[in-house]
Amino acid sequence: MSQHISVIIPFSRPDRWPSLYKQLTEITYPRTDFEVIIVLNAVYDWHPPVKTLKNIKIVAEHRQGPSYARNTGIRVAKFSHQVFLHDAC
């Protein structure tokens, strides 16, 4: 039995979106067992240029800094197990 996981990614560099999105689509973990929360960290007037996957949430945190973004991700996470990644992964 797999664990349900919330993957929280503070995101502050829109130029990294294509690479990040490609990597997210290649995850082999069962999609029903994880969610990805991308926290736009002081990123304004930007939206993903492609349709996001069903299990990706995008939320905004206007205070700059990864700790603010991580805390926002924790607040919206639906699973108790959380993993934190960087947008350059």
PDB file of N, CA and C in Angstrom:
ATOM      1  N   MET A   1       0.844  -1.194   0.000  1.00  0.00           N
ATOM      2  CA  MET A   1       0.000   0.000   0.000  1.00  0.00           C
ATOM      3  C   MET A   1       0.880   1.245   0.000  1.00  0.00           C
ATOM      4  N   SER A   2       0.634   2.157  -0.907  1.00  0.00           N
ATOM      5  CA  SER A   2       1.448   3.366  -0.977  1.00  0.00           C
ATOM      6  C   SER A   2       0.893   4.449  -0.056  1.00  0.00           C
ATOM      7  N   GLN A   3       1.802   5.326   0.345  1.00  0.00           N
ATOM      8  CA  GLN A   3       1.434   6.468   1.174  1.00  0.00           C
ATOM      9  C   GLN A   3       0.886   7.578   0.295  1.00  0.00           C
ATOM     10  N   HIS A   4      -0.040   8.330   0.831  1.00  0.00           N
ATOM     11  CA  HIS A   4      -0.523   9.522   0.132  1.00  0.00           C
ATOM     12  C   HIS A   4       0.401  10.678   0.489  1.00  0.00           C
ATOM     13  N   ILE A   5       0.836  11.395  -0.527  1.00  0.00           N
ATOM     14  CA  ILE A   5       1.869  12.417  -0.336  1.00  0.00           C
ATOM     15  C   ILE A   5       1.448  13.728  -0.997  1.00  0.00           C
ATOM     16  N   SER A   6       1.728  14.825  -0.301  1.00  0.00           N
ATOM     17  CA  SER A   6       1.589  16.158  -0.884  1.00  0.00           C
ATOM     18  C   SER A   6       3.000  16.650  -1.209  1.00  0.00           C
ATOM     19  N   VAL A   7       3.237  16.968  -2.476  1.00  0.00           N
ATOM     20  CA  VAL A   7       4.525  17.487  -2.915  1.00  0.00           C
ATOM     21  C   VAL A   7       4.364  19.000  -3.044  1.00  0.00           C
ATOM     22  N   ILE A   8       5.121  19.739  -2.257  1.00  0.00           N
ATOM     23  CA  ILE A   8       4.988  21.197  -2.210  1.00  0.00           C
ATOM     24  C   ILE A   8       6.222  21.815  -2.866  1.00  0.00           C
ATOM     25  N   ILE A   9       5.965  22.674  -3.873  1.00  0.00           N
ATOM     26  CA  ILE A   9       7.057  23.285  -4.627  1.00  0.00           C
ATOM     27  C   ILE A   9       6.904  24.804  -4.622  1.00  0.00           C
ATOM     28  N   PRO A  10       7.727  25.529  -3.823  1.00  0.00           N
ATOM     29  CA  PRO A  10       7.745  26.981  -3.952  1.00  0.00           C
ATOM     30  C   PRO A  10       8.257  27.330  -5.361  1.00  0.00           C
ATOM     31  N   PHE A  11       7.554  28.218  -6.032  1.00  0.00           N
ATOM     32  CA  PHE A  11       7.844  28.495  -7.441  1.00  0.00           C
ATOM     33  C   PHE A  11       7.996  29.989  -7.643  1.00  0.00           C
ATOM     34  N   SER A  12       9.202  30.398  -8.054  1.00  0.00           N
ATOM     35  CA  SER A  12       9.435  31.834  -8.239  1.00  0.00           C
ATOM     36  C   SER A  12      10.057  32.172  -9.591  1.00  0.00           C
ATOM     37  N   ARG A  13      10.266  31.167 -10.427  1.00  0.00           N
ATOM     38  CA  ARG A  13      10.920  31.395 -11.715  1.00  0.00           C
ATOM     39  C   ARG A  13      10.067  30.837 -12.849  1.00  0.00           C
ATOM     40  N   PRO A  14       9.170  31.630 -13.424  1.00  0.00           N
ATOM     41  CA  PRO A  14       8.318  31.145 -14.509  1.00  0.00           C
ATOM     42  C   PRO A  14       9.084  30.556 -15.694  1.00  0.00           C
ATOM     43  N   ASP A  15      10.325  30.982 -15.914  1.00  0.00           N
ATOM     44  CA  ASP A  15      11.108  30.429 -17.018  1.00  0.00           C
ATOM     45  C   ASP A  15      11.414  28.941 -16.799  1.00  0.00           C
ATOM     46  N   ARG A  16      11.263  28.460 -15.592  1.00  0.00           N
ATOM     47  CA  ARG A  16      11.517  27.043 -15.287  1.00  0.00           C
ATOM     48  C   ARG A  16      10.272  26.173 -15.456  1.00  0.00           C
ATOM     49  N   TRP A  17       9.123  26.771 -15.772  1.00  0.00           N
ATOM     50  CA  TRP A  17       7.887  26.005 -15.872  1.00  0.00           C
ATOM     51  C   TRP A  17       7.957  24.840 -16.862  1.00  0.00           C
ATOM     52  N   PRO A  18       8.456  25.032 -18.092  1.00  0.00           N
ATOM     53  CA  PRO A  18       8.462  23.902 -19.038  1.00  0.00           C
ATOM     54  C   PRO A  18       9.206  22.678 -18.500  1.00  0.00           C
ATOM     55  N   SER A  19      10.350  22.886 -17.909  1.00  0.00           N
ATOM     56  CA  SER A  19      11.131  21.779 -17.366  1.00  0.00           C
ATOM     57  C   SER A  19      10.424  21.136 -16.169  1.00  0.00           C
ATOM     58  N   LEU A  20       9.911  21.964 -15.279  1.00  0.00           N
ATOM     59  CA  LEU A  20       9.210  21.448 -14.109  1.00  0.00           C
ATOM     60  C   LEU A  20       7.984  20.642 -14.520  1.00  0.00           C
ATOM     61  N   TYR A  21       7.200  21.176 -15.438  1.00  0.00           N
ATOM     62  CA  TYR A  21       5.992  20.482 -15.895  1.00  0.00           C
ATOM     63  C   TYR A  21       6.336  19.146 -16.538  1.00  0.00           C
ATOM     64  N   LYS A  22       7.368  19.120 -17.353  1.00  0.00           N
ATOM     65  CA  LYS A  22       7.792  17.873 -17.999  1.00  0.00           C
ATOM     66  C   LYS A  22       8.147  16.831 -16.946  1.00  0.00           C
ATOM     67  N   GLN A  23       8.887  17.232 -15.937  1.00  0.00           N
ATOM     68  CA  GLN A  23       9.278  16.292 -14.891  1.00  0.00           C
ATOM     69  C   GLN A  23       8.070  15.802 -14.101  1.00  0.00           C
ATOM     70  N   LEU A  24       7.110  16.671 -13.861  1.00  0.00           N
ATOM     71  CA  LEU A  24       5.908  16.254 -13.132  1.00  0.00           C
ATOM     72  C   LEU A  24       5.098  15.230 -13.918  1.00  0.00           C
ATOM     73  N   THR A  25       5.076  15.358 -15.239  1.00  0.00           N
ATOM     74  CA  THR A  25       4.316  14.408 -16.052  1.00  0.00           C
ATOM     75  C   THR A  25       4.991  13.045 -16.124  1.00  0.00           C
ATOM     76  N   GLU A  26       6.267  12.976 -15.766  1.00  0.00           N
ATOM     77  CA  GLU A  26       7.005  11.724 -15.844  1.00  0.00           C
ATOM     78  C   GLU A  26       7.030  10.936 -14.532  1.00  0.00           C
ATOM     79  N   ILE A  27       6.373  11.439 -13.503  1.00  0.00           N
ATOM     80  CA  ILE A  27       6.337  10.729 -12.223  1.00  0.00           C
ATOM     81  C   ILE A  27       5.562   9.428 -12.401  1.00  0.00           C
ATOM     82  N   THR A  28       6.114   8.344 -11.889  1.00  0.00           N
ATOM     83  CA  THR A  28       5.473   7.034 -12.045  1.00  0.00           C
ATOM     84  C   THR A  28       4.681   6.607 -10.817  1.00  0.00           C
ATOM     85  N   TYR A  29       4.730   7.374  -9.748  1.00  0.00           N
ATOM     86  CA  TYR A  29       3.939   7.087  -8.545  1.00  0.00           C
ATOM     87  C   TYR A  29       2.465   7.204  -8.925  1.00  0.00           C
ATOM     88  N   PRO A  30       1.584   6.360  -8.391  1.00  0.00           N
ATOM     89  CA  PRO A  30       0.164   6.430  -8.775  1.00  0.00           C
ATOM     90  C   PRO A  30      -0.424   7.830  -8.548  1.00  0.00           C
ATOM     91  N   ARG A  31      -1.011   8.403  -9.571  1.00  0.00           N
ATOM     92  CA  ARG A  31      -1.537   9.785  -9.510  1.00  0.00           C
ATOM     93  C   ARG A  31      -2.592   9.982  -8.420  1.00  0.00           C
ATOM     94  N   THR A  32      -3.289   8.935  -8.063  1.00  0.00           N
ATOM     95  CA  THR A  32      -4.310   9.067  -7.015  1.00  0.00           C
ATOM     96  C   THR A  32      -3.687   9.126  -5.623  1.00  0.00           C
ATOM     97  N   ASP A  33      -2.395   8.821  -5.535  1.00  0.00           N
ATOM     98  CA  ASP A  33      -1.738   8.775  -4.228  1.00  0.00           C
ATOM     99  C   ASP A  33      -0.891  10.004  -3.919  1.00  0.00           C
ATOM    100  N   PHE A  34      -0.889  10.980  -4.810  1.00  0.00           N
ATOM    101  CA  PHE A  34      -0.141  12.196  -4.512  1.00  0.00           C
ATOM    102  C   PHE A  34      -0.804  13.395  -5.169  1.00  0.00           C
ATOM    103  N   GLU A  35      -0.496  14.540  -4.595  1.00  0.00           N
ATOM    104  CA  GLU A  35      -0.901  15.820  -5.182  1.00  0.00           C
ATOM    105  C   GLU A  35       0.342  16.690  -5.248  1.00  0.00           C
ATOM    106  N   VAL A  36       0.355  17.604  -6.183  1.00  0.00           N
ATOM    107  CA  VAL A  36       1.447  18.565  -6.291  1.00  0.00           C
ATOM    108  C   VAL A  36       0.856  19.942  -6.036  1.00  0.00           C
ATOM    109  N   ILE A  37       1.468  20.656  -5.114  1.00  0.00           N
ATOM    110  CA  ILE A  37       1.036  22.017  -4.808  1.00  0.00           C
ATOM    111  C   ILE A  37       2.171  22.947  -5.224  1.00  0.00           C
ATOM    112  N   ILE A  38       1.915  23.725  -6.257  1.00  0.00           N
ATOM    113  CA  ILE A  38       2.890  24.711  -6.716  1.00  0.00           C
ATOM    114  C   ILE A  38       2.486  26.048  -6.118  1.00  0.00           C
ATOM    115  N   VAL A  39       3.373  26.595  -5.301  1.00  0.00           N
ATOM    116  CA  VAL A  39       3.081  27.861  -4.634  1.00  0.00           C
ATOM    117  C   VAL A  39       3.821  28.968  -5.368  1.00  0.00           C
ATOM    118  N   LEU A  40       3.059  29.809  -6.060  1.00  0.00           N
ATOM    119  CA  LEU A  40       3.649  30.963  -6.745  1.00  0.00           C
ATOM    120  C   LEU A  40       4.135  31.932  -5.674  1.00  0.00           C
ATOM    121  N   ASN A  41       5.435  32.061  -5.550  1.00  0.00           N
ATOM    122  CA  ASN A  41       6.033  32.847  -4.480  1.00  0.00           C
ATOM    123  C   ASN A  41       6.421  34.225  -4.991  1.00  0.00           C
ATOM    124  N   ALA A  42       5.566  35.193  -4.716  1.00  0.00           N
ATOM    125  CA  ALA A  42       5.766  36.571  -5.166  1.00  0.00           C
ATOM    126  C   ALA A  42       5.886  36.632  -6.686  1.00  0.00           C
ATOM    127  N   VAL A  43       5.109  35.800  -7.370  1.00  0.00           N
ATOM    128  CA  VAL A  43       5.046  35.799  -8.830  1.00  0.00           C
ATOM    129  C   VAL A  43       3.703  36.405  -9.213  1.00  0.00           C
ATOM    130  N   TYR A  44       3.725  37.482  -9.958  1.00  0.00           N
ATOM    131  CA  TYR A  44       2.496  38.187 -10.307  1.00  0.00           C
ATOM    132  C   TYR A  44       2.257  38.116 -11.815  1.00  0.00           C
ATOM    133  N   ASP A  45       1.006  38.151 -12.197  1.00  0.00           N
ATOM    134  CA  ASP A  45       0.626  38.200 -13.612  1.00  0.00           C
ATOM    135  C   ASP A  45       1.227  37.070 -14.448  1.00  0.00           C
ATOM    136  N   TRP A  46       1.243  35.865 -13.887  1.00  0.00           N
ATOM    137  CA  TRP A  46       1.718  34.711 -14.640  1.00  0.00           C
ATOM    138  C   TRP A  46       0.806  33.535 -14.345  1.00  0.00           C
ATOM    139  N   HIS A  47       0.473  32.803 -15.376  1.00  0.00           N
ATOM    140  CA  HIS A  47      -0.323  31.588 -15.249  1.00  0.00           C
ATOM    141  C   HIS A  47       0.329  30.530 -16.126  1.00  0.00           C
ATOM    142  N   PRO A  48       0.246  29.266 -15.733  1.00  0.00           N
ATOM    143  CA  PRO A  48       0.862  28.227 -16.560  1.00  0.00           C
ATOM    144  C   PRO A  48       0.333  28.293 -17.988  1.00  0.00           C
ATOM    145  N   PRO A  49       1.216  28.215 -18.970  1.00  0.00           N
ATOM    146  CA  PRO A  49       0.790  28.327 -20.366  1.00  0.00           C
ATOM    147  C   PRO A  49       0.142  27.070 -20.923  1.00  0.00           C
ATOM    148  N   VAL A  50       0.165  25.988 -20.176  1.00  0.00           N
ATOM    149  CA  VAL A  50      -0.440  24.740 -20.633  1.00  0.00           C
ATOM    150  C   VAL A  50      -1.426  24.248 -19.585  1.00  0.00           C
ATOM    151  N   LYS A  51      -2.313  23.384 -20.012  1.00  0.00           N
ATOM    152  CA  LYS A  51      -3.258  22.802 -19.068  1.00  0.00           C
ATOM    153  C   LYS A  51      -2.483  21.982 -18.036  1.00  0.00           C
ATOM    154  N   THR A  52      -2.805  22.167 -16.774  1.00  0.00           N
ATOM    155  CA  THR A  52      -2.104  21.421 -15.734  1.00  0.00           C
ATOM    156  C   THR A  52      -2.739  20.051 -15.541  1.00  0.00           C
ATOM    157  N   LEU A  53      -1.997  19.172 -14.933  1.00  0.00           N
ATOM    158  CA  LEU A  53      -2.510  17.847 -14.632  1.00  0.00           C
ATOM    159  C   LEU A  53      -3.568  17.930 -13.543  1.00  0.00           C
ATOM    160  N   LYS A  54      -4.397  16.937 -13.490  1.00  0.00           N
ATOM    161  CA  LYS A  54      -5.521  16.940 -12.560  1.00  0.00           C
ATOM    162  C   LYS A  54      -5.084  17.058 -11.094  1.00  0.00           C
ATOM    163  N   ASN A  55      -3.956  16.467 -10.749  1.00  0.00           N
ATOM    164  CA  ASN A  55      -3.540  16.468  -9.349  1.00  0.00           C
ATOM    165  C   ASN A  55      -2.556  17.600  -9.008  1.00  0.00           C
ATOM    166  N   ILE A  56      -2.508  18.637  -9.845  1.00  0.00           N
ATOM    167  CA  ILE A  56      -1.665  19.801  -9.556  1.00  0.00           C
ATOM    168  C   ILE A  56      -2.548  20.967  -9.130  1.00  0.00           C
ATOM    169  N   LYS A  57      -2.227  21.529  -7.961  1.00  0.00           N
ATOM    170  CA  LYS A  57      -2.898  22.747  -7.496  1.00  0.00           C
ATOM    171  C   LYS A  57      -1.888  23.881  -7.617  1.00  0.00           C
ATOM    172  N   ILE A  58      -2.370  25.030  -8.000  1.00  0.00           N
ATOM    173  CA  ILE A  58      -1.512  26.210  -8.048  1.00  0.00           C
ATOM    174  C   ILE A  58      -2.128  27.263  -7.143  1.00  0.00           C
ATOM    175  N   VAL A  59      -1.344  27.697  -6.160  1.00  0.00           N
ATOM    176  CA  VAL A  59      -1.813  28.702  -5.206  1.00  0.00           C
ATOM    177  C   VAL A  59      -0.787  29.834  -5.159  1.00  0.00           C
ATOM    178  N   ALA A  60      -1.192  30.973  -4.638  1.00  0.00           N
ATOM    179  CA  ALA A  60      -0.308  32.143  -4.583  1.00  0.00           C
ATOM    180  C   ALA A  60       0.063  32.478  -3.150  1.00  0.00           C
ATOM    181  N   GLU A  61       1.291  32.894  -2.967  1.00  0.00           N
ATOM    182  CA  GLU A  61       1.783  33.452  -1.707  1.00  0.00           C
ATOM    183  C   GLU A  61       2.515  34.735  -2.070  1.00  0.00           C
ATOM    184  N   HIS A  62       1.990  35.863  -1.616  1.00  0.00           N
ATOM    185  CA  HIS A  62       2.531  37.155  -2.027  1.00  0.00           C
ATOM    186  C   HIS A  62       3.746  37.598  -1.211  1.00  0.00           C
ATOM    187  N   ARG A  63       3.930  36.992  -0.045  1.00  0.00           N
ATOM    188  CA  ARG A  63       5.131  37.312   0.733  1.00  0.00           C
ATOM    189  C   ARG A  63       6.299  36.529   0.135  1.00  0.00           C
ATOM    190  N   GLN A  64       7.392  37.224  -0.136  1.00  0.00           N
ATOM    191  CA  GLN A  64       8.532  36.602  -0.799  1.00  0.00           C
ATOM    192  C   GLN A  64       9.341  35.778   0.192  1.00  0.00           C
ATOM    193  N   GLY A  65       9.768  34.610  -0.264  1.00  0.00           N
ATOM    194  CA  GLY A  65      10.620  33.748   0.548  1.00  0.00           C
ATOM    195  C   GLY A  65      10.098  32.324   0.568  1.00  0.00           C
ATOM    196  N   PRO A  66      10.997  31.349   0.493  1.00  0.00           N
ATOM    197  CA  PRO A  66      10.563  29.957   0.439  1.00  0.00           C
ATOM    198  C   PRO A  66       9.837  29.487   1.692  1.00  0.00           C
ATOM    199  N   SER A  67      10.159  30.033   2.853  1.00  0.00           N
ATOM    200  CA  SER A  67       9.462  29.586   4.068  1.00  0.00           C
ATOM    201  C   SER A  67       7.985  29.983   4.023  1.00  0.00           C
ATOM    202  N   TYR A  68       7.671  31.172   3.528  1.00  0.00           N
ATOM    203  CA  TYR A  68       6.275  31.569   3.379  1.00  0.00           C
ATOM    204  C   TYR A  68       5.561  30.639   2.394  1.00  0.00           C
ATOM    205  N   ALA A  69       6.238  30.344   1.294  1.00  0.00           N
ATOM    206  CA  ALA A  69       5.638  29.472   0.279  1.00  0.00           C
ATOM    207  C   ALA A  69       5.412  28.067   0.831  1.00  0.00           C
ATOM    208  N   ARG A  70       6.388  27.528   1.552  1.00  0.00           N
ATOM    209  CA  ARG A  70       6.214  26.191   2.129  1.00  0.00           C
ATOM    210  C   ARG A  70       5.048  26.164   3.111  1.00  0.00           C
ATOM    211  N   ASN A  71       4.951  27.174   3.954  1.00  0.00           N
ATOM    212  CA  ASN A  71       3.852  27.220   4.932  1.00  0.00           C
ATOM    213  C   ASN A  71       2.495  27.326   4.245  1.00  0.00           C
ATOM    214  N   THR A  72       2.423  28.078   3.167  1.00  0.00           N
ATOM    215  CA  THR A  72       1.172  28.153   2.405  1.00  0.00           C
ATOM    216  C   THR A  72       0.842  26.787   1.820  1.00  0.00           C
ATOM    217  N   GLY A  73       1.832  26.104   1.284  1.00  0.00           N
ATOM    218  CA  GLY A  73       1.612  24.764   0.760  1.00  0.00           C
ATOM    219  C   GLY A  73       1.118  23.799   1.807  1.00  0.00           C
ATOM    220  N   ILE A  74       1.683  23.872   2.998  1.00  0.00           N
ATOM    221  CA  ILE A  74       1.238  23.007   4.099  1.00  0.00           C
ATOM    222  C   ILE A  74      -0.231  23.271   4.418  1.00  0.00           C
ATOM    223  N   ARG A  75      -0.625  24.540   4.426  1.00  0.00           N
ATOM    224  CA  ARG A  75      -2.015  24.884   4.764  1.00  0.00           C
ATOM    225  C   ARG A  75      -3.019  24.303   3.775  1.00  0.00           C
ATOM    226  N   VAL A  76      -2.660  24.202   2.505  1.00  0.00           N
ATOM    227  CA  VAL A  76      -3.618  23.704   1.510  1.00  0.00           C
ATOM    228  C   VAL A  76      -3.448  22.217   1.200  1.00  0.00           C
ATOM    229  N   ALA A  77      -2.417  21.595   1.761  1.00  0.00           N
ATOM    230  CA  ALA A  77      -2.172  20.174   1.495  1.00  0.00           C
ATOM    231  C   ALA A  77      -3.305  19.322   2.055  1.00  0.00           C
ATOM    232  N   LYS A  78      -3.688  18.303   1.286  1.00  0.00           N
ATOM    233  CA  LYS A  78      -4.746  17.419   1.771  1.00  0.00           C
ATOM    234  C   LYS A  78      -4.195  16.149   2.409  1.00  0.00           C
ATOM    235  N   PHE A  79      -2.905  15.879   2.235  1.00  0.00           N
ATOM    236  CA  PHE A  79      -2.304  14.686   2.828  1.00  0.00           C
ATOM    237  C   PHE A  79      -1.356  15.084   3.957  1.00  0.00           C
ATOM    238  N   SER A  80      -1.227  14.202   4.943  1.00  0.00           N
ATOM    239  CA  SER A  80      -0.395  14.519   6.114  1.00  0.00           C
ATOM    240  C   SER A  80       1.098  14.318   5.848  1.00  0.00           C
ATOM    241  N   HIS A  81       1.453  13.512   4.862  1.00  0.00           N
ATOM    242  CA  HIS A  81       2.855  13.345   4.488  1.00  0.00           C
ATOM    243  C   HIS A  81       3.186  14.371   3.411  1.00  0.00           C
ATOM    244  N   GLN A  82       4.247  15.167   3.679  1.00  0.00           N
ATOM    245  CA  GLN A  82       4.594  16.223   2.744  1.00  0.00           C
ATOM    246  C   GLN A  82       6.070  16.158   2.360  1.00  0.00           C
ATOM    247  N   VAL A  83       6.316  16.433   1.104  1.00  0.00           N
ATOM    248  CA  VAL A  83       7.674  16.477   0.569  1.00  0.00           C
ATOM    249  C   VAL A  83       7.853  17.857  -0.043  1.00  0.00           C
ATOM    250  N   PHE A  84       9.001  18.458   0.190  1.00  0.00           N
ATOM    251  CA  PHE A  84       9.284  19.788  -0.340  1.00  0.00           C
ATOM    252  C   PHE A  84      10.354  19.692  -1.413  1.00  0.00           C
ATOM    253  N   LEU A  85      10.084  20.292  -2.557  1.00  0.00           N
ATOM    254  CA  LEU A  85      11.036  20.347  -3.661  1.00  0.00           C
ATOM    255  C   LEU A  85      11.282  21.799  -4.035  1.00  0.00           C
ATOM    256  N   HIS A  86      12.303  22.016  -4.821  1.00  0.00           N
ATOM    257  CA  HIS A  86      12.623  23.353  -5.326  1.00  0.00           C
ATOM    258  C   HIS A  86      12.185  23.411  -6.789  1.00  0.00           C
ATOM    259  N   ASP A  87      11.853  24.573  -7.283  1.00  0.00           N
ATOM    260  CA  ASP A  87      11.381  24.688  -8.665  1.00  0.00           C
ATOM    261  C   ASP A  87      12.452  24.404  -9.705  1.00  0.00           C
ATOM    262  N   ALA A  88      13.698  24.240  -9.293  1.00  0.00           N
ATOM    263  CA  ALA A  88      14.779  23.916 -10.226  1.00  0.00           C
ATOM    264  C   ALA A  88      15.041  22.409 -10.309  1.00  0.00           C
ATOM    265  N   CYS A  89      14.214  21.604  -9.669  1.00  0.00           N
ATOM    266  CA  CYS A  89      14.439  20.144  -9.669  1.00  0.00           C
ATOM    267  C   CYS A  89      14.321  19.562 -11.047  1.00  0.00           C
TER     268      CYS A  89
END
